[in-house]
Amino acid sequence: MSARERDEDVIRGITEFLGDYSSLDKDRLVLFAVNFLESRKIEPTFDKIVVATFRLFPKKFSLIGFPEYPDGRTIYYCAFNHCTLTKKWLFGNVQSGFKITERGKYFLDETKKMLEGEIKLVRIHQTIPRRKETTFLTMLKKSDAFKKYIYGKKEEVTNSEIYEALKISSPSSKGLTQAHLERYFEYANRINDSQVMEFLDFIKRRLGGN
């Protein structure tokens, strides 16, 4: 039996994590899944991360309406856009696979303590109800651009609606647009709002900021 087959057999044998993981944000759970693979000498390629994450935490990573299947798109955003590009918990990419960084090890240890109950979990909206970040992101979520994106109508989102969502009166300055976008990325990252991060990634691509 090849190493690849053994890896697949191990991954197929993963069972759901015993314990309450509902309050943890998805980025932390993906980080945990990467470590789960590494600790078993399995190279964390993207496909293996998708299956391992879904089997460990199915209630957080299943497709809406199809709970037996993993939401690979969400796992991609968590692993690459958030944990790798933004938070620097991982390094790598879909082609080469991923590894945990030194920074990521700190948050991994914290995540394990959360899952084991050593650190009590409190939902974000209970701990920071009046923080500036929450206020700005709440306003962003009320924008027409965000609502269209969430309801699967992102092709209908106009540039003017994007600028309105970012509180930019005139799109003439590329630097100003980038500054506002980075500020919202920072706020979303601080309070681990992956939904807003995905929306901001969409905006960045739409405005040609790849």
Protein backbone atom coordinates (compact mmCIF):
# COMPACT_ATOMS: atom_id res chain seq x y z
CA MET A 1 0.00 0.00 0.00
CA SER A 2 1.42 3.40 -0.99
CA ALA A 3 1.93 6.35 1.35
CA ARG A 4 -0.81 8.21 -0.51
CA GLU A 5 -3.28 5.39 0.06
CA ARG A 6 -2.37 5.21 3.73
CA ASP A 7 -2.94 8.95 4.05
CA GLU A 8 -6.33 8.66 2.41
CA ASP A 9 -7.32 5.78 4.68
CA VAL A 10 -6.37 7.82 7.75
CA ILE A 11 -8.39 10.80 6.51
CA ARG A 12 -11.40 8.63 5.70
CA GLY A 13 -11.27 7.35 9.25
CA ILE A 14 -11.48 10.80 10.85
CA THR A 15 -14.56 11.22 13.04
CA GLU A 16 -16.23 14.40 14.22
CA PHE A 17 -14.48 16.29 17.00
CA LEU A 18 -16.01 15.40 20.35
CA GLY A 19 -16.84 18.64 22.07
CA ASP A 20 -18.41 22.00 21.39
CA TYR A 21 -16.71 23.78 18.50
CA SER A 22 -19.64 25.95 17.46
CA SER A 23 -18.25 29.14 19.00
CA LEU A 24 -14.83 28.93 17.33
CA ASP A 25 -14.30 30.86 14.13
CA LYS A 26 -13.65 28.83 11.00
CA ASP A 27 -10.09 30.04 10.49
CA ARG A 28 -9.06 28.51 13.82
CA LEU A 29 -10.74 25.23 12.96
CA VAL A 30 -8.92 25.03 9.63
CA LEU A 31 -5.65 25.73 11.45
CA PHE A 32 -6.45 22.88 13.82
CA ALA A 33 -7.17 20.55 10.89
CA VAL A 34 -3.82 21.38 9.27
CA ASN A 35 -2.07 20.48 12.52
CA PHE A 36 -4.16 17.32 12.77
CA LEU A 37 -2.70 16.20 9.43
CA GLU A 38 0.86 17.31 10.23
CA SER A 39 0.81 15.45 13.56
CA ARG A 40 0.00 12.27 11.65
CA LYS A 41 2.81 12.81 9.13
CA ILE A 42 0.32 13.64 6.39
CA GLU A 43 1.27 16.45 4.03
CA PRO A 44 -1.45 19.13 4.28
CA THR A 45 -2.34 19.50 0.63
CA PHE A 46 -5.48 21.47 -0.07
CA ASP A 47 -7.65 18.44 -0.92
CA LYS A 48 -6.63 16.71 2.30
CA ILE A 49 -7.30 19.85 4.31
CA VAL A 50 -10.80 20.10 2.82
CA VAL A 51 -11.72 16.53 3.75
CA ALA A 52 -10.03 16.58 7.17
CA THR A 53 -11.63 19.91 8.14
CA PHE A 54 -15.07 18.72 7.05
CA ARG A 55 -14.81 15.37 8.84
CA LEU A 56 -13.57 17.01 12.05
CA PHE A 57 -16.08 19.89 12.03
CA PRO A 58 -19.00 18.98 9.75
CA LYS A 59 -21.46 21.36 11.39
CA LYS A 60 -19.28 24.34 10.43
CA PHE A 61 -18.11 23.28 6.97
CA SER A 62 -20.97 21.53 5.19
CA LEU A 63 -22.75 22.87 2.13
CA ILE A 64 -26.12 24.48 2.79
CA GLY A 65 -28.77 21.95 1.82
CA PHE A 66 -26.18 19.20 1.35
CA PRO A 67 -24.76 18.48 4.83
CA GLU A 68 -23.00 15.35 3.59
CA TYR A 69 -20.64 17.40 1.41
CA PRO A 70 -17.83 19.83 2.40
CA ASP A 71 -17.94 23.52 1.56
CA GLY A 72 -14.59 23.62 -0.23
CA ARG A 73 -14.95 27.28 -1.17
CA THR A 74 -15.21 28.39 2.44
CA ILE A 75 -12.28 26.18 3.43
CA TYR A 76 -10.24 27.70 0.59
CA TYR A 77 -10.95 31.23 1.84
CA CYS A 78 -10.02 30.24 5.40
CA ALA A 79 -6.83 28.40 4.46
CA PHE A 80 -5.45 30.70 1.78
CA ASN A 81 -7.05 34.15 1.92
CA HIS A 82 -7.35 34.40 5.68
CA CYS A 83 -4.86 32.08 7.42
CA THR A 84 -2.11 32.52 4.79
CA LEU A 85 -2.40 35.96 3.20
CA THR A 86 -4.00 37.95 6.02
CA LYS A 87 -3.23 36.33 9.37
CA LYS A 88 0.06 34.63 8.43
CA TRP A 89 -0.83 31.50 10.43
CA LEU A 90 0.03 29.32 7.43
CA PHE A 91 2.36 29.57 4.48
CA GLY A 92 2.01 27.87 1.12
CA ASN A 93 -0.71 27.68 -1.50
CA VAL A 94 -3.17 25.31 -3.15
CA GLN A 95 -0.50 23.95 -5.49
CA SER A 96 2.25 23.34 -2.93
CA GLY A 97 0.22 22.61 0.19
CA PHE A 98 0.33 24.43 3.52
CA LYS A 99 2.39 24.48 6.70
CA ILE A 100 1.90 26.19 10.03
CA THR A 101 4.09 29.24 10.68
CA GLU A 102 5.67 30.17 14.00
CA ARG A 103 2.95 32.78 14.41
CA GLY A 104 0.36 30.14 13.62
CA LYS A 105 1.70 27.83 16.35
CA TYR A 106 0.77 30.40 18.98
CA PHE A 107 -2.81 30.59 17.74
CA LEU A 108 -2.93 26.82 17.34
CA ASP A 109 -2.05 26.38 21.00
CA GLU A 110 -4.72 28.91 21.91
CA THR A 111 -7.24 27.11 19.71
CA LYS A 112 -6.51 23.74 21.33
CA LYS A 113 -7.10 25.27 24.74
CA MET A 114 -10.41 26.67 23.51
CA LEU A 115 -11.50 23.28 22.21
CA GLU A 116 -10.43 21.60 25.45
CA GLY A 117 -12.34 24.13 27.53
CA GLU A 118 -9.27 25.68 29.16
CA ILE A 119 -10.18 29.01 27.59
CA LYS A 120 -13.85 29.87 27.91
CA LEU A 121 -15.46 30.86 24.63
CA VAL A 122 -17.62 33.95 24.42
CA ARG A 123 -19.27 34.98 21.21
CA ILE A 124 -17.79 38.07 19.57
CA HIS A 125 -20.95 40.15 19.72
CA GLN A 126 -21.08 39.64 23.48
CA THR A 127 -17.50 40.75 24.11
CA ILE A 128 -17.18 43.79 21.82
CA PRO A 129 -20.67 45.23 21.28
CA ARG A 130 -19.50 48.84 20.91
CA ARG A 131 -16.09 48.55 19.37
CA LYS A 132 -15.37 50.70 16.34
CA GLU A 133 -14.68 47.62 14.23
CA THR A 134 -18.14 46.21 14.90
CA THR A 135 -19.83 49.51 14.13
CA PHE A 136 -18.09 49.88 10.76
CA LEU A 137 -18.72 46.26 9.73
CA THR A 138 -22.38 46.49 10.75
CA MET A 139 -22.76 49.50 8.47
CA LEU A 140 -20.94 47.64 5.69
CA LYS A 141 -23.36 44.71 6.00
CA LYS A 142 -26.30 47.07 5.53
CA SER A 143 -24.98 48.25 2.15
CA ASP A 144 -26.67 47.24 -1.10
CA ALA A 145 -23.40 45.76 -2.36
CA PHE A 146 -23.05 43.42 0.61
CA LYS A 147 -26.71 42.34 0.52
CA LYS A 148 -26.50 41.49 -3.18
CA TYR A 149 -23.28 39.55 -2.60
CA ILE A 150 -24.77 37.53 0.28
CA TYR A 151 -27.92 36.71 -1.67
CA GLY A 152 -25.95 35.36 -4.62
CA LYS A 153 -26.36 38.39 -6.86
CA LYS A 154 -22.77 39.56 -6.95
CA GLU A 155 -22.90 40.00 -10.73
CA GLU A 156 -25.45 42.77 -10.09
CA VAL A 157 -23.17 44.68 -7.73
CA THR A 158 -22.10 47.97 -9.32
CA ASN A 159 -18.88 49.85 -8.68
CA SER A 160 -20.83 52.80 -7.33
CA GLU A 161 -22.44 50.49 -4.75
CA ILE A 162 -18.99 49.22 -3.79
CA TYR A 163 -17.68 52.75 -3.26
CA GLU A 164 -20.77 53.58 -1.23
CA ALA A 165 -20.21 50.48 0.93
CA LEU A 166 -16.60 51.55 1.56
CA LYS A 167 -17.74 55.11 2.39
CA ILE A 168 -15.85 56.61 -0.56
CA SER A 169 -17.55 59.62 -2.17
CA SER A 170 -15.30 59.67 -5.23
CA PRO A 171 -13.41 56.78 -6.83
CA SER A 172 -10.85 59.10 -8.40
CA SER A 173 -8.08 58.23 -5.92
CA LYS A 174 -6.80 54.66 -6.12
CA GLY A 175 -4.78 55.22 -2.98
CA LEU A 176 -7.87 56.29 -1.03
CA THR A 177 -9.81 53.24 -2.20
CA GLN A 178 -6.96 50.95 -1.19
CA ALA A 179 -6.68 52.62 2.21
CA HIS A 180 -10.38 52.17 2.93
CA LEU A 181 -10.29 48.56 1.75
CA GLU A 182 -7.29 47.77 3.95
CA ARG A 183 -9.02 49.37 6.92
CA TYR A 184 -12.07 47.14 6.49
CA PHE A 185 -9.81 44.09 6.04
CA GLU A 186 -8.10 44.99 9.31
CA TYR A 187 -11.40 45.38 11.17
CA ALA A 188 -12.75 42.08 9.82
CA ASN A 189 -9.52 40.33 10.73
CA ARG A 190 -9.57 41.68 14.29
CA ILE A 191 -12.98 40.24 15.05
CA ASN A 192 -12.60 37.16 12.82
CA ASP A 193 -15.54 37.97 10.53
CA SER A 194 -14.81 35.58 7.66
CA GLN A 195 -18.05 36.53 5.86
CA VAL A 196 -16.92 40.12 5.51
CA MET A 197 -13.41 39.00 4.51
CA GLU A 198 -14.89 37.02 1.62
CA PHE A 199 -16.92 40.05 0.56
CA LEU A 200 -13.81 42.25 0.69
CA ASP A 201 -11.89 39.71 -1.38
CA PHE A 202 -14.68 39.97 -3.95
CA ILE A 203 -14.43 43.77 -3.93
CA LYS A 204 -10.66 43.62 -4.32
CA ARG A 205 -10.97 41.39 -7.39
CA ARG A 206 -13.77 43.52 -8.86
CA LEU A 207 -11.72 46.68 -8.56
CA GLY A 208 -8.66 45.00 -10.08
CA GLY A 209 -6.66 44.78 -6.88
CA ASN A 210 -5.37 41.22 -7.28
